[in-house]
Amino acid sequence: MNKDAIKVALIKCDSYDLTKVKNAINRGIDLLGGIDLFIKDGDKILLKPNLLAAESSEKSVTTHPIVFEAVISILQEKSKEKNINIKKISYGDSPGIGKGISVAQKSGISEVAERLKIEYADFDEPIGISFNEGIKEKSFTIAKPITEADTIISLPKLKSHALTVMTGAVKNQFGCVPGFRKAEYHLKLPDFDDFSTMLLDLNKLINPKLYIMDGIMAMEGNGPRSGNPRKLNVLLLSSDAVALDYVASQIISFDYNSIPTIKMGFKLGFSNKENIEIIGDDIESLKVNDFKKPHKRIGIGRSLMKLSRFKIIKRLFSIMIPKPVIEYDKCVKCGVCVKVCPVTPLALNFNKKGKSSPPEYYYDKCITCYCCQELCPHKAIILKRKF
């Protein structure tokens, strides 16, 4: 066995039965080397679930509350068994829209936290952090509770994603950036690879000790909010986000080179593909070949649009890059898409008639960040190419 191996534990789990989930996570932690590797006496532990938007747990938009409860129960039980004094366990996230506590209530996570006396950490208060080790970003504004925790445990959800193809362990930490400050990064880093490198820098700064990915029910298709639940019956655990995401991509049969967070993670040395060791259950027994991808985008960064001084190239890319399109029969004119658009002036807005008709796009302003599609609560925005 390679002592330098990056371990990723694959554990079959066919339902959200609490006992089954606890047994699966306990098995994964033991295979990785035991709980002692991840927590120590006197720790303040922060759990970071995926709380993208206020949806019920069966829609597979957020980390399932049973996975959340299982992790808390294991921490509490292991601390007594190992005589480790955990000073505090809290949880938090900054959703794409709305308040984290509202999303936690809708998803069922808040009820679990209150029952187990776990404190909610408000991610609204920002704090600036220098990060000279960053490749793309040398500083970040992150939620204050992140800086106050000794140990962070990340609880991502396995989902397809229109911008990054798949979202998992690496992208889960984007929720540590408070509120609409996330939109600033879409404006600042229009290139897919640059944006993903920023996410990798952020992940390295936050440095979760353990990642436990909920893949019992994943999301396929028009993710990360408007896709469809897909049963995969798996939990994945690792101390390495890129390695975990790579193994997850193999389970759903996605080319990892099409997923910029994984591709750049290997290319820039955030992880080492050759050293990944899969432990636990056999990956071949968990693979699916028909997991629906998000709308296929060309593998060329949005920064190529800077060649727009050449009119023919500008026209070519405006045709090839998928654009968000509102399906009027599904639109309820709630205005969420308008609210989350990061550009000024807005790339979509209601016309002079107000909310009597759906918003209109102004594609000359659109940076194809897909925030509108990502956060539409009614699955009313899809991605299309002009042809």
Protein backbone atom coordinates (compact mmCIF):
# COMPACT_ATOMS: atom_id res chain seq x y z
CA MET A 1 0.00 0.00 0.00
CA ASN A 2 1.28 3.45 -0.93
CA LYS A 3 1.69 5.43 2.31
CA ASP A 4 1.32 8.66 0.31
CA ALA A 5 -1.94 7.52 -1.29
CA ILE A 6 -4.88 9.93 -1.35
CA LYS A 7 -7.71 7.80 -0.02
CA VAL A 8 -11.29 8.11 -1.19
CA ALA A 9 -13.78 5.84 0.59
CA LEU A 10 -16.79 4.62 -1.40
CA ILE A 11 -19.57 3.26 0.78
CA LYS A 12 -22.82 1.82 -0.55
CA CYS A 13 -25.92 3.12 1.19
CA ASP A 14 -29.31 2.51 -0.37
CA SER A 15 -31.55 4.80 1.70
CA TYR A 16 -31.70 7.73 4.09
CA ASP A 17 -32.37 5.45 7.03
CA LEU A 18 -30.42 7.02 9.90
CA THR A 19 -28.90 3.78 11.14
CA LYS A 20 -27.76 2.80 7.65
CA VAL A 21 -26.27 6.23 6.97
CA LYS A 22 -24.45 6.30 10.32
CA ASN A 23 -23.03 2.82 9.75
CA ALA A 24 -21.88 3.81 6.26
CA ILE A 25 -20.19 7.02 7.40
CA ASN A 26 -18.59 5.27 10.38
CA ARG A 27 -17.21 2.63 8.03
CA GLY A 28 -15.82 5.30 5.71
CA ILE A 29 -14.15 7.22 8.55
CA ASP A 30 -12.58 4.02 9.88
CA LEU A 31 -11.25 3.15 6.42
CA LEU A 32 -9.67 6.60 6.15
CA GLY A 33 -7.84 6.06 9.44
CA GLY A 34 -10.31 6.90 12.18
CA ILE A 35 -11.92 9.98 13.67
CA ASP A 36 -8.70 10.94 15.47
CA LEU A 37 -7.30 12.13 12.13
CA PHE A 38 -9.99 14.78 11.81
CA ILE A 39 -10.88 16.09 15.27
CA LYS A 40 -8.92 16.81 18.40
CA ASP A 41 -9.52 17.78 22.01
CA GLY A 42 -10.98 21.26 22.43
CA ASP A 43 -12.07 21.65 18.80
CA LYS A 44 -14.77 24.02 17.64
CA ILE A 45 -16.23 22.13 14.67
CA LEU A 46 -18.13 23.80 11.83
CA LEU A 47 -20.24 21.70 9.46
CA LYS A 48 -20.65 23.13 5.95
CA PRO A 49 -23.62 21.48 4.17
CA ASN A 50 -24.77 22.48 0.71
CA LEU A 51 -27.69 24.87 1.31
CA LEU A 52 -28.05 26.26 -2.19
CA ALA A 53 -31.69 27.31 -2.04
CA ALA A 54 -34.87 26.81 -0.05
CA GLU A 55 -36.12 23.44 -1.27
CA SER A 56 -37.37 20.33 0.52
CA SER A 57 -34.90 17.48 0.91
CA GLU A 58 -36.57 15.14 -1.60
CA LYS A 59 -35.67 17.50 -4.45
CA SER A 60 -31.94 16.73 -3.94
CA VAL A 61 -30.94 20.40 -4.07
CA THR A 62 -29.38 20.41 -0.60
CA THR A 63 -27.44 18.02 1.61
CA HIS A 64 -29.97 15.60 3.06
CA PRO A 65 -30.82 16.20 6.75
CA ILE A 66 -30.25 12.53 7.60
CA VAL A 67 -26.63 12.78 6.40
CA PHE A 68 -26.29 15.94 8.48
CA GLU A 69 -27.80 14.19 11.53
CA ALA A 70 -25.62 11.12 11.09
CA VAL A 71 -22.43 13.20 11.06
CA ILE A 72 -23.45 15.09 14.23
CA SER A 73 -24.38 11.85 16.02
CA ILE A 74 -21.08 10.25 15.06
CA LEU A 75 -19.12 13.27 16.29
CA GLN A 76 -20.98 13.27 19.59
CA GLU A 77 -20.63 9.52 20.08
CA LYS A 78 -16.98 9.34 19.02
CA SER A 79 -16.04 12.24 21.29
CA LYS A 80 -17.39 10.31 24.30
CA GLU A 81 -15.86 7.03 23.16
CA LYS A 82 -12.44 8.60 22.56
CA ASN A 83 -12.72 11.02 25.49
CA ILE A 84 -12.33 13.99 23.15
CA ASN A 85 -13.81 17.24 24.38
CA ILE A 86 -15.51 18.97 21.46
CA LYS A 87 -16.01 22.56 22.55
CA LYS A 88 -18.78 23.31 20.05
CA ILE A 89 -20.43 21.99 16.89
CA SER A 90 -22.10 24.54 14.61
CA TYR A 91 -23.22 24.67 10.99
CA GLY A 92 -23.73 27.29 8.31
CA ASP A 93 -23.75 28.25 4.64
CA SER A 94 -24.44 31.28 2.47
CA PRO A 95 -27.03 30.29 -0.16
CA GLY A 96 -27.21 31.67 -3.66
CA ILE A 97 -30.31 33.60 -2.64
CA GLY A 98 -32.05 34.15 0.68
CA LYS A 99 -30.86 33.49 4.23
CA GLY A 100 -29.02 30.34 5.22
CA ILE A 101 -31.34 29.73 8.16
CA SER A 102 -34.40 29.88 5.87
CA VAL A 103 -32.87 27.29 3.54
CA ALA A 104 -31.94 25.13 6.54
CA GLN A 105 -35.55 25.26 7.76
CA LYS A 106 -37.00 24.33 4.37
CA SER A 107 -34.56 21.46 3.84
CA GLY A 108 -35.10 19.93 7.29
CA ILE A 109 -31.56 20.59 8.49
CA SER A 110 -32.65 23.26 10.98
CA GLU A 111 -35.01 20.83 12.74
CA VAL A 112 -32.17 18.34 13.17
CA ALA A 113 -29.83 21.03 14.48
CA GLU A 114 -32.34 22.30 17.03
CA ARG A 115 -33.11 18.80 18.24
CA LEU A 116 -29.42 17.96 18.69
CA LYS A 117 -28.63 21.42 20.12
CA ILE A 118 -26.36 22.45 17.25
CA GLU A 119 -25.87 26.19 16.81
CA TYR A 120 -26.49 27.97 13.50
CA ALA A 121 -23.48 30.05 12.40
CA ASP A 122 -24.54 33.19 10.55
CA PHE A 123 -22.52 33.50 7.34
CA ASP A 124 -23.66 37.06 6.62
CA GLU A 125 -20.81 38.81 8.45
CA PRO A 126 -17.79 39.14 6.10
CA ILE A 127 -14.13 39.22 7.02
CA GLY A 128 -11.18 39.87 4.71
CA ILE A 129 -8.36 37.31 4.62
CA SER A 130 -5.00 37.53 2.87
CA PHE A 131 -3.90 34.34 1.12
CA ASN A 132 -0.47 34.64 -0.44
CA GLU A 133 -0.47 30.94 -1.37
CA GLY A 134 -3.30 31.51 -3.81
CA ILE A 135 -2.59 30.95 -7.48
CA LYS A 136 -5.43 33.08 -8.84
CA GLU A 137 -6.57 34.94 -5.70
CA LYS A 138 -4.31 36.42 -3.01
CA SER A 139 -7.19 37.51 -0.76
CA PHE A 140 -10.78 36.53 -0.04
CA THR A 141 -13.79 37.86 1.79
CA ILE A 142 -15.29 34.95 3.70
CA ALA A 143 -17.88 34.41 6.41
CA LYS A 144 -16.58 35.16 9.89
CA PRO A 145 -17.56 31.77 11.44
CA ILE A 146 -15.08 30.09 9.07
CA THR A 147 -12.22 31.93 10.76
CA GLU A 148 -13.45 30.99 14.23
CA ALA A 149 -13.61 27.21 13.66
CA ASP A 150 -10.76 24.81 14.43
CA THR A 151 -12.08 22.07 12.18
CA ILE A 152 -14.38 22.33 9.17
CA ILE A 153 -16.22 19.28 7.84
CA SER A 154 -17.69 19.80 4.37
CA LEU A 155 -20.93 18.01 3.45
CA PRO A 156 -21.39 18.49 -0.31
CA LYS A 157 -24.17 17.14 -2.50
CA LEU A 158 -23.35 15.38 -5.78
CA LYS A 159 -25.09 17.32 -8.57
CA SER A 160 -24.67 18.30 -12.18
CA HIS A 161 -23.97 21.99 -12.75
CA ALA A 162 -24.48 24.17 -15.81
CA LEU A 163 -21.28 26.18 -15.29
CA THR A 164 -18.83 23.66 -13.80
CA VAL A 165 -20.52 20.51 -15.25
CA MET A 166 -20.47 18.85 -11.81
CA THR A 167 -20.60 20.37 -8.35
CA GLY A 168 -19.28 18.55 -5.33
CA ALA A 169 -16.55 18.87 -2.73
CA VAL A 170 -14.54 21.74 -4.25
CA LYS A 171 -17.44 24.00 -5.15
CA ASN A 172 -19.20 23.49 -1.82
CA GLN A 173 -16.81 25.99 -0.24
CA PHE A 174 -18.08 28.78 -2.52
CA GLY A 175 -20.90 29.05 0.02
CA CYS A 176 -18.33 30.37 2.49
CA VAL A 177 -18.32 33.64 0.55
CA PRO A 178 -21.13 35.79 2.00
CA GLY A 179 -24.20 36.65 -0.05
CA PHE A 180 -23.92 38.48 -3.33
CA ARG A 181 -20.16 38.81 -2.98
CA LYS A 182 -20.12 35.53 -4.88
CA ALA A 183 -21.39 37.38 -7.93
CA GLU A 184 -18.25 39.53 -7.93
CA TYR A 185 -16.16 36.48 -8.81
CA HIS A 186 -18.30 35.74 -11.87
CA LEU A 187 -17.63 39.27 -13.08
CA LYS A 188 -13.96 39.25 -12.18
CA LEU A 189 -13.20 35.77 -13.55
CA PRO A 190 -15.22 35.15 -16.72
CA ASP A 191 -12.96 32.29 -17.85
CA PHE A 192 -14.07 28.82 -16.68
CA ASP A 193 -10.55 27.73 -15.74
CA ASP A 194 -9.75 30.97 -13.89
CA PHE A 195 -13.02 30.75 -11.96
CA SER A 196 -12.27 27.14 -11.03
CA THR A 197 -8.74 28.01 -9.94
CA MET A 198 -10.25 30.63 -7.64
CA LEU A 199 -12.48 27.91 -6.15
CA LEU A 200 -9.44 25.72 -5.61
CA ASP A 201 -7.61 28.59 -3.90
CA LEU A 202 -10.65 29.19 -1.69
CA ASN A 203 -10.82 25.51 -0.83
CA LYS A 204 -7.15 25.51 0.16
CA LEU A 205 -7.65 28.58 2.33
CA ILE A 206 -10.68 27.16 4.16
CA ASN A 207 -9.03 23.73 4.38
CA PRO A 208 -11.81 21.36 5.50
CA LYS A 209 -10.35 18.38 7.31
CA LEU A 210 -12.94 15.96 5.96
CA TYR A 211 -15.41 15.83 3.08
CA ILE A 212 -18.49 13.60 3.22
CA MET A 213 -20.43 13.70 -0.04
CA ASP A 214 -24.12 12.86 -0.17
CA GLY A 215 -24.64 10.78 -3.29
CA ILE A 216 -27.44 8.55 -2.03
CA MET A 217 -29.76 10.73 -4.08
CA ALA A 218 -27.87 12.97 -6.51
CA MET A 219 -29.12 15.48 -9.08
CA GLU A 220 -28.75 15.08 -12.83
CA GLY A 221 -29.61 17.23 -15.81
CA ASN A 222 -30.29 20.93 -15.38
CA GLY A 223 -28.50 21.23 -12.00
CA PRO A 224 -27.68 22.47 -9.47
CA ARG A 225 -31.31 23.41 -8.62
CA SER A 226 -33.51 22.65 -11.59
CA GLY A 227 -32.37 19.11 -12.37
CA ASN A 228 -33.94 15.81 -11.37
CA PRO A 229 -33.14 13.53 -8.42
CA ARG A 230 -31.16 10.43 -9.36
CA LYS A 231 -30.54 7.53 -6.98
CA LEU A 232 -26.87 6.51 -6.80
CA ASN A 233 -26.79 4.76 -3.40
CA VAL A 234 -23.34 6.02 -2.39
CA LEU A 235 -21.54 8.12 0.19
CA LEU A 236 -18.01 9.32 -0.57
CA LEU A 237 -15.47 10.37 2.05
CA SER A 238 -11.99 11.85 1.72
CA SER A 239 -9.65 14.48 3.11
CA ASP A 240 -8.93 15.63 -0.48
CA ALA A 241 -11.66 17.55 -2.33
CA VAL A 242 -10.26 17.18 -5.85
CA ALA A 243 -9.68 13.44 -5.45
CA LEU A 244 -13.20 12.98 -4.08
CA ASP A 245 -14.73 14.92 -6.98
CA TYR A 246 -12.67 12.93 -9.47
CA VAL A 247 -13.96 9.62 -8.10
CA ALA A 248 -17.50 11.00 -8.08
CA SER A 249 -17.10 11.99 -11.74
CA GLN A 250 -16.11 8.41 -12.55
CA ILE A 251 -19.21 7.05 -10.83
CA ILE A 252 -21.46 9.20 -13.04
CA SER A 253 -19.25 8.54 -16.12
CA PHE A 254 -18.32 12.19 -16.74
CA ASP A 255 -15.00 13.04 -18.39
CA TYR A 256 -13.06 14.75 -15.60
CA ASN A 257 -11.32 16.98 -18.18
CA SER A 258 -14.72 18.55 -18.87
CA ILE A 259 -15.04 19.52 -15.20
CA PRO A 260 -12.76 22.54 -14.72
CA THR A 261 -12.42 22.24 -10.93
CA ILE A 262 -11.00 18.72 -11.34
CA LYS A 263 -8.97 19.43 -14.46
CA MET A 264 -7.32 22.50 -12.93
CA GLY A 265 -6.95 20.74 -9.58
CA PHE A 266 -4.70 18.12 -11.16
CA LYS A 267 -2.98 20.51 -13.58
CA LEU A 268 -1.99 22.99 -10.85
CA GLY A 269 -0.99 20.42 -8.25
CA PHE A 270 -3.88 20.76 -5.80
CA SER A 271 -4.12 16.97 -5.94
CA ASN A 272 -2.43 14.04 -7.66
CA LYS A 273 -4.54 11.76 -9.84
CA GLU A 274 -1.90 9.04 -9.88
CA ASN A 275 -1.93 8.71 -6.08
CA ILE A 276 -5.67 8.25 -5.61
CA GLU A 277 -6.59 5.00 -3.86
CA ILE A 278 -10.25 3.98 -3.82
CA ILE A 279 -11.18 2.03 -0.70
CA GLY A 280 -14.41 0.51 0.53
CA ASP A 281 -16.85 -0.75 -2.07
CA ASP A 282 -16.05 -1.53 -5.69
CA ILE A 283 -16.49 1.50 -7.94
CA GLU A 284 -17.61 -0.67 -10.87
CA SER A 285 -20.66 -1.77 -8.91
CA LEU A 286 -21.63 1.87 -8.36
CA LYS A 287 -21.05 3.34 -11.83
CA VAL A 288 -23.90 4.57 -14.00
CA ASN A 289 -23.54 5.32 -17.71
CA ASP A 290 -26.69 7.35 -18.30
CA PHE A 291 -26.37 10.14 -15.73
CA LYS A 292 -27.77 13.17 -17.53
CA LYS A 293 -25.32 15.99 -18.14
CA PRO A 294 -26.17 19.67 -18.00
CA HIS A 295 -26.48 21.44 -21.36
CA LYS A 296 -23.21 20.76 -23.15
CA ARG A 297 -21.02 23.85 -23.36
CA ILE A 298 -17.94 24.23 -25.48
CA GLY A 299 -14.72 23.65 -23.60
CA ILE A 300 -13.46 27.13 -24.32
CA GLY A 301 -13.29 29.79 -21.62
CA ARG A 302 -15.57 32.76 -21.75
CA SER A 303 -12.47 34.95 -21.85
CA LEU A 304 -12.17 34.14 -25.55
CA MET A 305 -14.90 36.69 -25.99
CA LYS A 306 -12.17 39.30 -25.45
CA LEU A 307 -11.39 38.65 -29.10
CA SER A 308 -14.61 40.51 -29.81
CA ARG A 309 -12.72 43.17 -31.72
CA PHE A 310 -12.80 40.56 -34.49
CA LYS A 311 -16.46 40.67 -35.43
CA ILE A 312 -16.55 37.24 -37.02
CA ILE A 313 -15.09 35.62 -33.86
CA LYS A 314 -17.52 37.50 -31.64
CA ARG A 315 -20.40 36.29 -33.77
CA LEU A 316 -19.08 32.71 -33.78
CA PHE A 317 -18.83 32.51 -29.98
CA SER A 318 -22.16 34.25 -29.46
CA ILE A 319 -23.68 31.40 -31.46
CA MET A 320 -21.71 28.55 -29.88
CA ILE A 321 -21.90 29.46 -26.19
CA PRO A 322 -25.22 28.32 -24.68
CA LYS A 323 -27.42 31.17 -23.51
CA PRO A 324 -30.01 31.11 -20.72
CA VAL A 325 -33.56 31.14 -22.07
CA ILE A 326 -36.80 31.61 -20.13
CA GLU A 327 -39.55 29.08 -20.77
CA TYR A 328 -42.56 31.37 -20.51
CA ASP A 329 -45.05 28.63 -19.67
CA LYS A 330 -43.07 27.85 -16.48
CA CYS A 331 -42.13 31.40 -15.47
CA VAL A 332 -44.16 32.84 -12.57
CA LYS A 333 -42.43 36.25 -12.80
CA CYS A 334 -40.99 35.97 -9.27
CA GLY A 335 -37.92 38.05 -10.20
CA VAL A 336 -35.30 35.79 -8.59
CA CYS A 337 -33.31 35.68 -11.86
CA VAL A 338 -33.27 39.48 -12.01
CA LYS A 339 -32.19 39.73 -8.39
CA VAL A 340 -29.19 37.41 -8.78
CA CYS A 341 -27.86 38.79 -12.08
CA PRO A 342 -24.36 40.07 -11.19
CA VAL A 343 -23.77 42.52 -14.05
CA THR A 344 -24.49 46.26 -14.24
CA PRO A 345 -26.53 47.12 -16.20
CA LEU A 346 -28.52 43.94 -15.77
CA ALA A 347 -28.41 41.24 -18.42
CA LEU A 348 -32.10 40.57 -17.84
CA ASN A 349 -34.88 42.63 -16.37
CA PHE A 350 -38.60 43.27 -16.48
CA ASN A 351 -39.67 45.64 -19.22
CA LYS A 352 -41.76 48.77 -18.77
CA LYS A 353 -44.86 46.66 -18.17
CA GLY A 354 -43.32 45.35 -14.96
CA LYS A 355 -44.17 41.87 -13.72
CA SER A 356 -47.09 41.47 -16.08
CA SER A 357 -44.72 39.57 -18.38
CA PRO A 358 -41.51 37.53 -17.85
CA PRO A 359 -38.11 39.28 -17.73
CA GLU A 360 -36.24 39.91 -20.96
CA TYR A 361 -32.59 39.06 -21.67
CA TYR A 362 -30.06 41.54 -23.04
CA TYR A 363 -27.50 39.09 -24.29
CA ASP A 364 -24.92 41.75 -25.13
CA LYS A 365 -24.60 42.23 -21.35
CA CYS A 366 -24.70 38.50 -20.43
CA ILE A 367 -21.44 36.94 -19.13
CA THR A 368 -22.91 33.38 -19.19
CA CYS A 369 -22.39 32.85 -15.47
CA TYR A 370 -25.75 31.01 -15.41
CA CYS A 371 -26.63 32.37 -11.96
CA CYS A 372 -30.18 32.95 -13.23
CA GLN A 373 -30.53 29.34 -14.37
CA GLU A 374 -28.86 28.02 -11.23
CA LEU A 375 -31.22 29.75 -8.83
CA CYS A 376 -34.55 29.82 -10.68
CA PRO A 377 -36.97 28.17 -8.22
CA HIS A 378 -39.41 27.05 -10.91
CA LYS A 379 -37.11 25.32 -13.45
CA ALA A 380 -38.14 27.98 -15.93
CA ILE A 381 -34.67 28.76 -17.34
CA ILE A 382 -32.84 26.40 -19.67
CA LEU A 383 -29.65 26.76 -21.72
CA LYS A 384 -29.75 26.84 -25.50
CA ARG A 385 -27.44 27.55 -28.37
CA LYS A 386 -28.76 29.81 -31.11
CA PHE A 387 -28.61 27.02 -33.65
